[in-house]
Amino acid sequence: MDSVIGSKGGKCLLTIHFVGSSPMLAFLRDANTSQSVIDIFNELERVLGPESFEQLFPVILTDNGSEFSNPKAIEHREKDSRGISYRRTNVFYCDAGCPYQKGAIEVNHELIRRILPKGTDLNGLTQTDITLMMDHINSYKRKKLNNRSPYETFSFYHGEDILKKLGCHPVPASDILLKPALLKK
């Protein structure tokens, strides 16, 4: 996981990249805080259910940004009615100054930057806009996936139901737009 920053002090994105099949989820956050990251993982577990969550997120690799400074809250689910909190994932950090250790997410960020160039103010965007952008990116066929899209590849391994729960939709190849015009209102 990583963050994509818009204009300084404004909204930002949390990105989650699945290494094997290459799709990426992106979540709009009002601020780049650790609580906003924790809230997203709690919501993902609620939407997916504990079993699917643990299957999809056995390990999370990230950098040591301040927004990822509370790994225990990401790793453990909220306390149950008995006050017990169980581990749901494991968070690991890249070595300092070694962004290549999570290079695949950086490649996907280049696709985001085709639509949202660096420095773009994200404050006028909604989660619906971000989901649309990611649907286009995840439907873009990749040579490394035998000319399949990340959406198709993920669906093969995990099923269409998981993608639906995550709010993902395929975009026909002829309709894919990876330019700022995609989000112009």
N, C-alpha and C. Protein backbone atom coordinates (compact mmCIF):
# COMPACT_ATOMS: atom_id res chain seq x y z
N MET A 1 0.85 -1.18 0.00
CA MET A 1 0.00 0.00 0.00
C MET A 1 0.89 1.23 0.00
N ASP A 2 0.29 2.31 -0.43
CA ASP A 2 1.03 3.56 -0.53
C ASP A 2 0.03 4.71 -0.56
N SER A 3 0.54 5.92 -0.60
CA SER A 3 -0.30 7.10 -0.71
C SER A 3 0.05 7.85 -1.98
N VAL A 4 -0.97 8.47 -2.57
CA VAL A 4 -0.78 9.40 -3.68
C VAL A 4 -1.29 10.73 -3.17
N ILE A 5 -0.41 11.71 -3.18
CA ILE A 5 -0.73 13.02 -2.63
C ILE A 5 -1.18 13.94 -3.76
N GLY A 6 -2.24 14.70 -3.51
CA GLY A 6 -2.68 15.71 -4.47
C GLY A 6 -1.96 17.01 -4.16
N SER A 7 -2.72 18.08 -4.00
CA SER A 7 -2.10 19.35 -3.61
C SER A 7 -1.77 19.29 -2.12
N LYS A 8 -0.75 20.01 -1.72
CA LYS A 8 -0.28 19.96 -0.32
C LYS A 8 -1.39 20.33 0.65
N GLY A 9 -1.61 19.44 1.64
CA GLY A 9 -2.60 19.69 2.67
C GLY A 9 -4.02 19.33 2.28
N GLY A 10 -4.22 18.86 1.05
CA GLY A 10 -5.56 18.52 0.58
C GLY A 10 -5.83 17.02 0.66
N LYS A 11 -6.87 16.60 -0.04
CA LYS A 11 -7.23 15.19 -0.08
C LYS A 11 -6.10 14.39 -0.74
N CYS A 12 -6.08 13.11 -0.42
CA CYS A 12 -5.06 12.21 -0.97
C CYS A 12 -5.70 10.84 -1.17
N LEU A 13 -4.92 9.93 -1.74
CA LEU A 13 -5.40 8.58 -1.99
C LEU A 13 -4.61 7.57 -1.19
N LEU A 14 -5.27 6.53 -0.73
CA LEU A 14 -4.61 5.32 -0.25
C LEU A 14 -4.72 4.34 -1.39
N THR A 15 -3.59 3.80 -1.84
CA THR A 15 -3.62 2.80 -2.91
C THR A 15 -3.19 1.46 -2.35
N ILE A 16 -3.87 0.43 -2.81
CA ILE A 16 -3.58 -0.95 -2.40
C ILE A 16 -3.42 -1.75 -3.69
N HIS A 17 -2.23 -2.31 -3.88
CA HIS A 17 -1.89 -3.04 -5.10
C HIS A 17 -1.77 -4.53 -4.79
N PHE A 18 -2.40 -5.36 -5.61
CA PHE A 18 -2.30 -6.81 -5.47
C PHE A 18 -1.23 -7.29 -6.43
N VAL A 19 -0.12 -7.78 -5.91
CA VAL A 19 1.07 -8.05 -6.70
C VAL A 19 0.84 -9.07 -7.82
N GLY A 20 0.26 -10.21 -7.54
CA GLY A 20 0.15 -11.27 -8.54
C GLY A 20 -0.67 -10.93 -9.76
N SER A 21 -1.80 -10.28 -9.55
CA SER A 21 -2.72 -10.01 -10.66
C SER A 21 -2.77 -8.54 -11.05
N SER A 22 -2.09 -7.69 -10.34
CA SER A 22 -1.88 -6.27 -10.65
C SER A 22 -3.04 -5.29 -10.53
N PRO A 23 -4.21 -5.65 -10.02
CA PRO A 23 -5.20 -4.59 -9.84
C PRO A 23 -4.81 -3.71 -8.66
N MET A 24 -5.36 -2.53 -8.65
CA MET A 24 -5.09 -1.61 -7.55
C MET A 24 -6.40 -0.98 -7.12
N LEU A 25 -6.58 -0.87 -5.83
CA LEU A 25 -7.71 -0.15 -5.25
C LEU A 25 -7.20 1.22 -4.83
N ALA A 26 -8.06 2.20 -4.88
CA ALA A 26 -7.68 3.54 -4.41
C ALA A 26 -8.84 4.12 -3.64
N PHE A 27 -8.52 4.73 -2.51
CA PHE A 27 -9.53 5.29 -1.63
C PHE A 27 -9.19 6.75 -1.35
N LEU A 28 -10.16 7.61 -1.58
CA LEU A 28 -9.99 9.04 -1.33
C LEU A 28 -10.07 9.31 0.16
N ARG A 29 -9.09 10.06 0.67
CA ARG A 29 -9.06 10.40 2.10
C ARG A 29 -8.99 11.90 2.25
N ASP A 30 -9.66 12.42 3.26
CA ASP A 30 -9.66 13.87 3.50
C ASP A 30 -8.30 14.38 3.94
N ALA A 31 -7.54 13.53 4.63
CA ALA A 31 -6.22 13.91 5.12
C ALA A 31 -5.34 12.67 5.16
N ASN A 32 -4.05 12.87 5.13
CA ASN A 32 -3.08 11.78 5.11
C ASN A 32 -2.74 11.36 6.53
N THR A 33 -3.71 10.75 7.22
CA THR A 33 -3.53 10.36 8.62
C THR A 33 -3.56 8.85 8.79
N SER A 34 -2.98 8.39 9.88
CA SER A 34 -3.02 6.94 10.16
C SER A 34 -4.45 6.48 10.42
N GLN A 35 -5.27 7.30 11.05
CA GLN A 35 -6.65 6.89 11.33
C GLN A 35 -7.43 6.69 10.04
N SER A 36 -7.17 7.50 9.02
CA SER A 36 -7.89 7.32 7.74
C SER A 36 -7.53 5.98 7.10
N VAL A 37 -6.29 5.54 7.26
CA VAL A 37 -5.87 4.24 6.73
C VAL A 37 -6.53 3.11 7.52
N ILE A 38 -6.52 3.23 8.83
CA ILE A 38 -7.15 2.22 9.69
C ILE A 38 -8.64 2.09 9.36
N ASP A 39 -9.31 3.22 9.19
CA ASP A 39 -10.74 3.21 8.87
C ASP A 39 -11.02 2.47 7.56
N ILE A 40 -10.15 2.65 6.58
CA ILE A 40 -10.34 1.96 5.29
C ILE A 40 -10.19 0.46 5.46
N PHE A 41 -9.20 0.01 6.21
CA PHE A 41 -9.04 -1.43 6.41
C PHE A 41 -10.18 -2.02 7.23
N ASN A 42 -10.69 -1.28 8.20
CA ASN A 42 -11.86 -1.76 8.95
C ASN A 42 -13.06 -1.90 8.03
N GLU A 43 -13.25 -0.94 7.14
CA GLU A 43 -14.36 -0.99 6.19
C GLU A 43 -14.17 -2.13 5.18
N LEU A 44 -12.96 -2.33 4.71
CA LEU A 44 -12.70 -3.45 3.79
C LEU A 44 -13.04 -4.79 4.45
N GLU A 45 -12.67 -4.95 5.72
CA GLU A 45 -12.99 -6.20 6.40
C GLU A 45 -14.51 -6.34 6.57
N ARG A 46 -15.20 -5.25 6.86
CA ARG A 46 -16.66 -5.31 7.01
C ARG A 46 -17.32 -5.72 5.69
N VAL A 47 -16.87 -5.12 4.59
CA VAL A 47 -17.46 -5.39 3.27
C VAL A 47 -17.13 -6.81 2.79
N LEU A 48 -15.90 -7.24 2.97
CA LEU A 48 -15.46 -8.54 2.46
C LEU A 48 -15.81 -9.70 3.39
N GLY A 49 -15.90 -9.43 4.67
CA GLY A 49 -16.02 -10.49 5.66
C GLY A 49 -14.62 -10.93 6.09
N PRO A 50 -14.48 -11.41 7.32
CA PRO A 50 -13.15 -11.76 7.84
C PRO A 50 -12.40 -12.80 7.00
N GLU A 51 -13.09 -13.82 6.52
CA GLU A 51 -12.41 -14.89 5.77
C GLU A 51 -11.83 -14.36 4.46
N SER A 52 -12.62 -13.65 3.68
CA SER A 52 -12.14 -13.10 2.41
C SER A 52 -11.06 -12.05 2.65
N PHE A 53 -11.24 -11.23 3.70
CA PHE A 53 -10.23 -10.21 4.02
C PHE A 53 -8.88 -10.88 4.27
N GLU A 54 -8.87 -11.90 5.11
CA GLU A 54 -7.61 -12.57 5.45
C GLU A 54 -7.00 -13.25 4.24
N GLN A 55 -7.82 -13.77 3.34
CA GLN A 55 -7.32 -14.41 2.13
C GLN A 55 -6.66 -13.36 1.21
N LEU A 56 -7.28 -12.20 1.08
CA LEU A 56 -6.77 -11.16 0.19
C LEU A 56 -5.60 -10.37 0.78
N PHE A 57 -5.55 -10.25 2.10
CA PHE A 57 -4.55 -9.41 2.75
C PHE A 57 -3.74 -10.17 3.80
N PRO A 58 -3.09 -11.27 3.45
CA PRO A 58 -2.29 -11.97 4.47
C PRO A 58 -1.08 -11.13 4.90
N VAL A 59 -0.55 -10.34 3.96
CA VAL A 59 0.61 -9.50 4.21
C VAL A 59 0.39 -8.16 3.51
N ILE A 60 0.78 -7.09 4.16
CA ILE A 60 0.72 -5.76 3.56
C ILE A 60 2.13 -5.17 3.66
N LEU A 61 2.66 -4.75 2.50
CA LEU A 61 3.97 -4.13 2.45
C LEU A 61 3.79 -2.65 2.15
N THR A 62 4.45 -1.82 2.91
CA THR A 62 4.32 -0.37 2.71
C THR A 62 5.63 0.32 3.08
N ASP A 63 5.64 1.63 2.96
CA ASP A 63 6.80 2.40 3.40
C ASP A 63 6.52 2.89 4.83
N ASN A 64 7.44 3.65 5.37
CA ASN A 64 7.26 4.09 6.77
C ASN A 64 6.69 5.49 6.87
N GLY A 65 5.79 5.86 5.95
CA GLY A 65 5.13 7.15 6.03
C GLY A 65 4.31 7.26 7.31
N SER A 66 4.10 8.48 7.77
CA SER A 66 3.38 8.69 9.03
C SER A 66 1.97 8.11 8.99
N GLU A 67 1.36 8.04 7.81
CA GLU A 67 0.01 7.49 7.71
C GLU A 67 -0.04 5.98 7.98
N PHE A 68 1.14 5.33 7.98
CA PHE A 68 1.22 3.89 8.24
C PHE A 68 1.90 3.61 9.58
N SER A 69 1.85 4.59 10.48
CA SER A 69 2.60 4.52 11.74
C SER A 69 1.90 3.74 12.85
N ASN A 70 0.73 3.19 12.59
CA ASN A 70 0.03 2.40 13.61
C ASN A 70 -0.28 1.01 13.05
N PRO A 71 0.77 0.19 12.84
CA PRO A 71 0.54 -1.11 12.22
C PRO A 71 -0.35 -2.03 13.04
N LYS A 72 -0.30 -1.94 14.35
CA LYS A 72 -1.14 -2.82 15.18
C LYS A 72 -2.63 -2.62 14.90
N ALA A 73 -3.04 -1.39 14.68
CA ALA A 73 -4.46 -1.11 14.41
C ALA A 73 -4.87 -1.63 13.02
N ILE A 74 -3.93 -1.68 12.09
CA ILE A 74 -4.22 -2.25 10.77
C ILE A 74 -4.23 -3.77 10.88
N GLU A 75 -3.28 -4.32 11.62
CA GLU A 75 -3.12 -5.78 11.73
C GLU A 75 -4.24 -6.46 12.51
N HIS A 76 -4.85 -5.76 13.45
CA HIS A 76 -5.84 -6.39 14.31
C HIS A 76 -7.24 -5.85 14.02
N ARG A 77 -8.20 -6.75 14.03
CA ARG A 77 -9.59 -6.32 13.82
C ARG A 77 -10.10 -5.66 15.09
N GLU A 78 -11.15 -4.89 14.92
CA GLU A 78 -11.75 -4.22 16.07
C GLU A 78 -12.18 -5.25 17.11
N LYS A 79 -12.18 -4.86 18.35
CA LYS A 79 -12.52 -5.79 19.44
C LYS A 79 -13.96 -6.29 19.30
N ASP A 80 -14.12 -7.59 19.62
CA ASP A 80 -15.46 -8.16 19.58
C ASP A 80 -16.20 -7.86 20.89
N SER A 81 -17.38 -8.43 21.05
CA SER A 81 -18.22 -8.13 22.22
C SER A 81 -17.55 -8.55 23.53
N ARG A 82 -16.55 -9.46 23.46
CA ARG A 82 -15.83 -9.89 24.66
C ARG A 82 -14.57 -9.06 24.90
N GLY A 83 -14.33 -8.07 24.00
CA GLY A 83 -13.16 -7.22 24.15
C GLY A 83 -11.89 -7.84 23.59
N ILE A 84 -12.04 -8.87 22.75
CA ILE A 84 -10.88 -9.56 22.17
C ILE A 84 -10.66 -9.06 20.74
N SER A 85 -9.41 -8.82 20.40
CA SER A 85 -9.05 -8.38 19.06
C SER A 85 -8.09 -9.40 18.45
N TYR A 86 -8.45 -9.95 17.28
CA TYR A 86 -7.64 -10.97 16.62
C TYR A 86 -6.84 -10.37 15.47
N ARG A 87 -5.69 -10.98 15.19
CA ARG A 87 -4.86 -10.54 14.06
C ARG A 87 -5.56 -10.91 12.76
N ARG A 88 -5.59 -9.94 11.82
CA ARG A 88 -6.22 -10.18 10.52
C ARG A 88 -5.24 -10.10 9.37
N THR A 89 -4.07 -9.48 9.60
CA THR A 89 -3.05 -9.34 8.57
C THR A 89 -1.70 -9.07 9.23
N ASN A 90 -0.66 -8.96 8.43
CA ASN A 90 0.68 -8.64 8.92
C ASN A 90 1.22 -7.49 8.09
N VAL A 91 1.65 -6.43 8.74
CA VAL A 91 2.20 -5.26 8.06
C VAL A 91 3.72 -5.30 8.14
N PHE A 92 4.36 -5.09 6.98
CA PHE A 92 5.81 -5.02 6.91
C PHE A 92 6.18 -3.73 6.19
N TYR A 93 7.36 -3.21 6.52
CA TYR A 93 7.84 -1.96 5.94
C TYR A 93 9.03 -2.23 5.02
N CYS A 94 9.09 -1.49 3.92
CA CYS A 94 10.26 -1.51 3.05
C CYS A 94 11.44 -0.92 3.81
N ASP A 95 12.63 -1.27 3.35
CA ASP A 95 13.81 -0.62 3.90
C ASP A 95 13.80 0.84 3.50
N ALA A 96 14.29 1.70 4.37
CA ALA A 96 14.33 3.14 4.09
C ALA A 96 15.13 3.40 2.81
N GLY A 97 14.60 4.25 1.96
CA GLY A 97 15.28 4.62 0.73
C GLY A 97 15.29 3.53 -0.33
N CYS A 98 14.40 2.55 -0.22
CA CYS A 98 14.36 1.43 -1.18
C CYS A 98 12.97 1.29 -1.79
N PRO A 99 12.49 2.31 -2.52
CA PRO A 99 11.15 2.23 -3.09
C PRO A 99 10.98 1.08 -4.09
N TYR A 100 12.10 0.58 -4.64
CA TYR A 100 12.03 -0.55 -5.58
C TYR A 100 11.47 -1.81 -4.92
N GLN A 101 11.47 -1.87 -3.59
CA GLN A 101 10.92 -3.03 -2.90
C GLN A 101 9.41 -3.12 -3.06
N LYS A 102 8.79 -2.03 -3.48
CA LYS A 102 7.36 -2.05 -3.82
C LYS A 102 7.17 -1.36 -5.17
N GLY A 103 8.00 -1.79 -6.11
CA GLY A 103 8.04 -1.18 -7.43
C GLY A 103 6.76 -1.33 -8.23
N ALA A 104 6.05 -2.44 -8.05
CA ALA A 104 4.83 -2.67 -8.85
C ALA A 104 3.77 -1.61 -8.56
N ILE A 105 3.65 -1.18 -7.31
CA ILE A 105 2.66 -0.14 -7.00
C ILE A 105 3.07 1.19 -7.61
N GLU A 106 4.38 1.44 -7.67
CA GLU A 106 4.86 2.68 -8.28
C GLU A 106 4.55 2.72 -9.78
N VAL A 107 4.62 1.56 -10.44
CA VAL A 107 4.26 1.48 -11.87
C VAL A 107 2.78 1.81 -12.05
N ASN A 108 1.93 1.28 -11.19
CA ASN A 108 0.50 1.59 -11.27
C ASN A 108 0.24 3.07 -10.95
N HIS A 109 1.05 3.66 -10.09
CA HIS A 109 0.90 5.09 -9.80
C HIS A 109 1.14 5.92 -11.06
N GLU A 110 2.02 5.46 -11.94
CA GLU A 110 2.25 6.15 -13.21
C GLU A 110 0.97 6.22 -14.03
N LEU A 111 0.14 5.16 -13.96
CA LEU A 111 -1.15 5.17 -14.66
C LEU A 111 -2.10 6.17 -14.01
N ILE A 112 -2.09 6.26 -12.69
CA ILE A 112 -2.91 7.27 -12.00
C ILE A 112 -2.47 8.66 -12.43
N ARG A 113 -1.16 8.87 -12.55
CA ARG A 113 -0.64 10.20 -12.90
C ARG A 113 -0.95 10.59 -14.34
N ARG A 114 -1.32 9.63 -15.18
CA ARG A 114 -1.78 9.98 -16.53
C ARG A 114 -3.12 10.72 -16.43
N ILE A 115 -3.92 10.33 -15.43
CA ILE A 115 -5.25 10.92 -15.25
C ILE A 115 -5.21 12.09 -14.27
N LEU A 116 -4.42 11.93 -13.22
CA LEU A 116 -4.27 12.97 -12.19
C LEU A 116 -2.79 13.37 -12.11
N PRO A 117 -2.34 14.27 -12.98
CA PRO A 117 -0.93 14.66 -12.95
C PRO A 117 -0.49 15.14 -11.56
N LYS A 118 0.79 14.94 -11.28
CA LYS A 118 1.35 15.34 -9.98
C LYS A 118 0.96 16.78 -9.66
N GLY A 119 0.53 17.01 -8.43
CA GLY A 119 0.12 18.34 -7.99
C GLY A 119 -1.35 18.64 -8.22
N THR A 120 -2.08 17.72 -8.86
CA THR A 120 -3.51 17.93 -9.10
C THR A 120 -4.24 18.03 -7.77
N ASP A 121 -5.11 19.00 -7.64
CA ASP A 121 -5.93 19.16 -6.44
C ASP A 121 -7.03 18.11 -6.46
N LEU A 122 -7.06 17.25 -5.46
CA LEU A 122 -8.05 16.17 -5.39
C LEU A 122 -9.30 16.59 -4.62
N ASN A 123 -9.32 17.80 -4.08
CA ASN A 123 -10.43 18.23 -3.22
C ASN A 123 -11.78 18.22 -3.92
N GLY A 124 -11.83 18.42 -5.22
CA GLY A 124 -13.10 18.44 -5.95
C GLY A 124 -13.56 17.07 -6.40
N LEU A 125 -12.79 16.02 -6.08
CA LEU A 125 -13.14 14.67 -6.51
C LEU A 125 -13.93 13.93 -5.44
N THR A 126 -14.65 12.91 -5.87
CA THR A 126 -15.40 12.04 -4.96
C THR A 126 -14.85 10.63 -5.08
N GLN A 127 -15.24 9.77 -4.16
CA GLN A 127 -14.83 8.36 -4.24
C GLN A 127 -15.36 7.74 -5.53
N THR A 128 -16.52 8.19 -6.00
CA THR A 128 -17.06 7.69 -7.27
C THR A 128 -16.11 8.01 -8.42
N ASP A 129 -15.52 9.21 -8.42
CA ASP A 129 -14.54 9.58 -9.44
C ASP A 129 -13.32 8.66 -9.37
N ILE A 130 -12.84 8.41 -8.17
CA ILE A 130 -11.64 7.59 -7.98
C ILE A 130 -11.93 6.15 -8.40
N THR A 131 -13.10 5.63 -8.08
CA THR A 131 -13.48 4.28 -8.49
C THR A 131 -13.55 4.17 -10.00
N LEU A 132 -14.12 5.18 -10.66
CA LEU A 132 -14.17 5.20 -12.12
C LEU A 132 -12.75 5.16 -12.70
N MET A 133 -11.87 5.97 -12.17
CA MET A 133 -10.49 5.99 -12.63
C MET A 133 -9.84 4.62 -12.48
N MET A 134 -10.04 4.00 -11.33
CA MET A 134 -9.42 2.69 -11.09
C MET A 134 -10.05 1.61 -11.98
N ASP A 135 -11.35 1.72 -12.28
CA ASP A 135 -11.97 0.77 -13.20
C ASP A 135 -11.29 0.83 -14.56
N HIS A 136 -10.97 2.04 -15.03
CA HIS A 136 -10.28 2.20 -16.31
C HIS A 136 -8.85 1.64 -16.23
N ILE A 137 -8.15 1.95 -15.17
CA ILE A 137 -6.77 1.45 -15.00
C ILE A 137 -6.77 -0.07 -14.88
N ASN A 138 -7.68 -0.62 -14.10
CA ASN A 138 -7.70 -2.08 -13.88
C ASN A 138 -8.22 -2.85 -15.08
N SER A 139 -8.83 -2.16 -16.05
CA SER A 139 -9.32 -2.82 -17.27
C SER A 139 -8.31 -2.73 -18.41
N TYR A 140 -7.24 -1.98 -18.20
CA TYR A 140 -6.19 -1.78 -19.20
C TYR A 140 -5.33 -3.04 -19.28
N LYS A 141 -5.28 -3.67 -20.44
CA LYS A 141 -4.55 -4.93 -20.60
C LYS A 141 -3.05 -4.71 -20.48
N ARG A 142 -2.38 -5.69 -19.88
CA ARG A 142 -0.94 -5.61 -19.63
C ARG A 142 -0.21 -6.78 -20.27
N LYS A 143 0.91 -6.48 -20.88
CA LYS A 143 1.73 -7.51 -21.52
C LYS A 143 2.14 -8.57 -20.49
N LYS A 144 2.51 -8.12 -19.29
CA LYS A 144 2.99 -9.06 -18.26
C LYS A 144 1.89 -10.02 -17.77
N LEU A 145 0.63 -9.70 -18.11
CA LEU A 145 -0.50 -10.57 -17.74
C LEU A 145 -1.03 -11.33 -18.97
N ASN A 146 -0.14 -11.56 -19.96
CA ASN A 146 -0.53 -12.23 -21.21
C ASN A 146 -1.66 -11.49 -21.90
N ASN A 147 -1.53 -10.18 -21.95
CA ASN A 147 -2.52 -9.32 -22.60
C ASN A 147 -3.92 -9.45 -22.00
N ARG A 148 -3.94 -9.69 -20.70
CA ARG A 148 -5.20 -9.64 -19.94
C ARG A 148 -5.14 -8.42 -19.04
N SER A 149 -6.29 -8.00 -18.60
CA SER A 149 -6.33 -6.86 -17.68
C SER A 149 -6.17 -7.35 -16.24
N PRO A 150 -5.76 -6.46 -15.34
CA PRO A 150 -5.73 -6.83 -13.92
C PRO A 150 -7.12 -7.29 -13.44
N TYR A 151 -8.17 -6.64 -13.95
CA TYR A 151 -9.53 -7.02 -13.56
C TYR A 151 -9.79 -8.49 -13.93
N GLU A 152 -9.47 -8.86 -15.18
CA GLU A 152 -9.70 -10.24 -15.65
C GLU A 152 -8.87 -11.23 -14.84
N THR A 153 -7.61 -10.88 -14.60
CA THR A 153 -6.71 -11.79 -13.89
C THR A 153 -7.15 -11.99 -12.44
N PHE A 154 -7.48 -10.90 -11.76
CA PHE A 154 -7.95 -11.00 -10.38
C PHE A 154 -9.25 -11.80 -10.31
N SER A 155 -10.15 -11.56 -11.24
CA SER A 155 -11.42 -12.28 -11.29
C SER A 155 -11.20 -13.78 -11.44
N PHE A 156 -10.23 -14.16 -12.26
CA PHE A 156 -9.92 -15.57 -12.47
C PHE A 156 -9.50 -16.24 -11.15
N TYR A 157 -8.66 -15.56 -10.39
CA TYR A 157 -8.14 -16.13 -9.14
C TYR A 157 -9.09 -16.00 -7.95
N HIS A 158 -9.83 -14.91 -7.88
CA HIS A 158 -10.62 -14.64 -6.67
C HIS A 158 -12.12 -14.56 -6.91
N GLY A 159 -12.55 -14.50 -8.15
CA GLY A 159 -13.98 -14.47 -8.46
C GLY A 159 -14.55 -13.08 -8.62
N GLU A 160 -15.58 -13.02 -9.41
CA GLU A 160 -16.27 -11.77 -9.71
C GLU A 160 -16.96 -11.19 -8.47
N ASP A 161 -17.42 -12.06 -7.57
CA ASP A 161 -18.13 -11.58 -6.37
C ASP A 161 -17.26 -10.67 -5.51
N ILE A 162 -15.99 -11.02 -5.37
CA ILE A 162 -15.08 -10.19 -4.57
C ILE A 162 -14.93 -8.82 -5.22
N LEU A 163 -14.76 -8.80 -6.55
CA LEU A 163 -14.63 -7.53 -7.25
C LEU A 163 -15.88 -6.68 -7.08
N LYS A 164 -17.04 -7.29 -7.13
CA LYS A 164 -18.29 -6.55 -6.93
C LYS A 164 -18.35 -5.96 -5.52
N LYS A 165 -17.95 -6.76 -4.52
CA LYS A 165 -17.93 -6.26 -3.14
C LYS A 165 -16.98 -5.06 -3.01
N LEU A 166 -15.90 -5.08 -3.78
CA LEU A 166 -14.92 -3.99 -3.73
C LEU A 166 -15.34 -2.79 -4.58
N GLY A 167 -16.49 -2.93 -5.28
CA GLY A 167 -17.01 -1.83 -6.09
C GLY A 167 -16.33 -1.69 -7.44
N CYS A 168 -15.64 -2.74 -7.90
CA CYS A 168 -14.91 -2.69 -9.17
C CYS A 168 -15.79 -3.16 -10.32
N HIS A 169 -15.59 -2.53 -11.49
CA HIS A 169 -16.35 -2.88 -12.69
C HIS A 169 -15.42 -2.90 -13.89
N PRO A 170 -15.63 -3.83 -14.83
CA PRO A 170 -14.79 -3.83 -16.03
C PRO A 170 -15.21 -2.71 -16.98
N VAL A 171 -14.25 -2.21 -17.73
CA VAL A 171 -14.50 -1.21 -18.75
C VAL A 171 -14.08 -1.83 -20.08
N PRO A 172 -14.95 -1.80 -21.10
CA PRO A 172 -14.55 -2.35 -22.41
C PRO A 172 -13.29 -1.65 -22.93
N ALA A 173 -12.43 -2.43 -23.58
CA ALA A 173 -11.15 -1.90 -24.07
C ALA A 173 -11.34 -0.65 -24.92
N SER A 174 -12.38 -0.62 -25.73
CA SER A 174 -12.60 0.53 -26.62
C SER A 174 -13.01 1.80 -25.86
N ASP A 175 -13.41 1.66 -24.59
CA ASP A 175 -13.86 2.81 -23.79
C ASP A 175 -12.82 3.31 -22.79
N ILE A 176 -11.70 2.61 -22.66
CA ILE A 176 -10.70 2.99 -21.65
C ILE A 176 -10.09 4.34 -22.01
N LEU A 177 -10.04 5.21 -21.01
CA LEU A 177 -9.45 6.54 -21.17
C LEU A 177 -8.51 6.79 -20.00
N LEU A 178 -7.25 6.93 -20.29
CA LEU A 178 -6.25 7.17 -19.24
C LEU A 178 -5.67 8.58 -19.39
N LYS A 179 -6.57 9.56 -19.42
CA LYS A 179 -6.21 10.97 -19.56
C LYS A 179 -7.04 11.79 -18.59
N PRO A 180 -6.61 13.00 -18.26
CA PRO A 180 -7.38 13.85 -17.34
C PRO A 180 -8.84 14.06 -17.76
N ALA A 181 -9.12 13.97 -19.05
CA ALA A 181 -10.50 14.17 -19.53
C ALA A 181 -11.47 13.17 -18.92
N LEU A 182 -10.98 12.03 -18.43
CA LEU A 182 -11.87 11.03 -17.81
C LEU A 182 -12.66 11.63 -16.66
N LEU A 183 -12.04 12.51 -15.89
CA LEU A 183 -12.68 13.05 -14.69
C LEU A 183 -13.16 14.50 -14.83
N LYS A 184 -13.14 15.01 -16.04
CA LYS A 184 -13.63 16.38 -16.26
C LYS A 184 -15.14 16.38 -16.15
N LYS A 185 -15.65 17.32 -15.39
CA LYS A 185 -17.11 17.38 -15.17
C LYS A 185 -17.71 18.51 -15.92
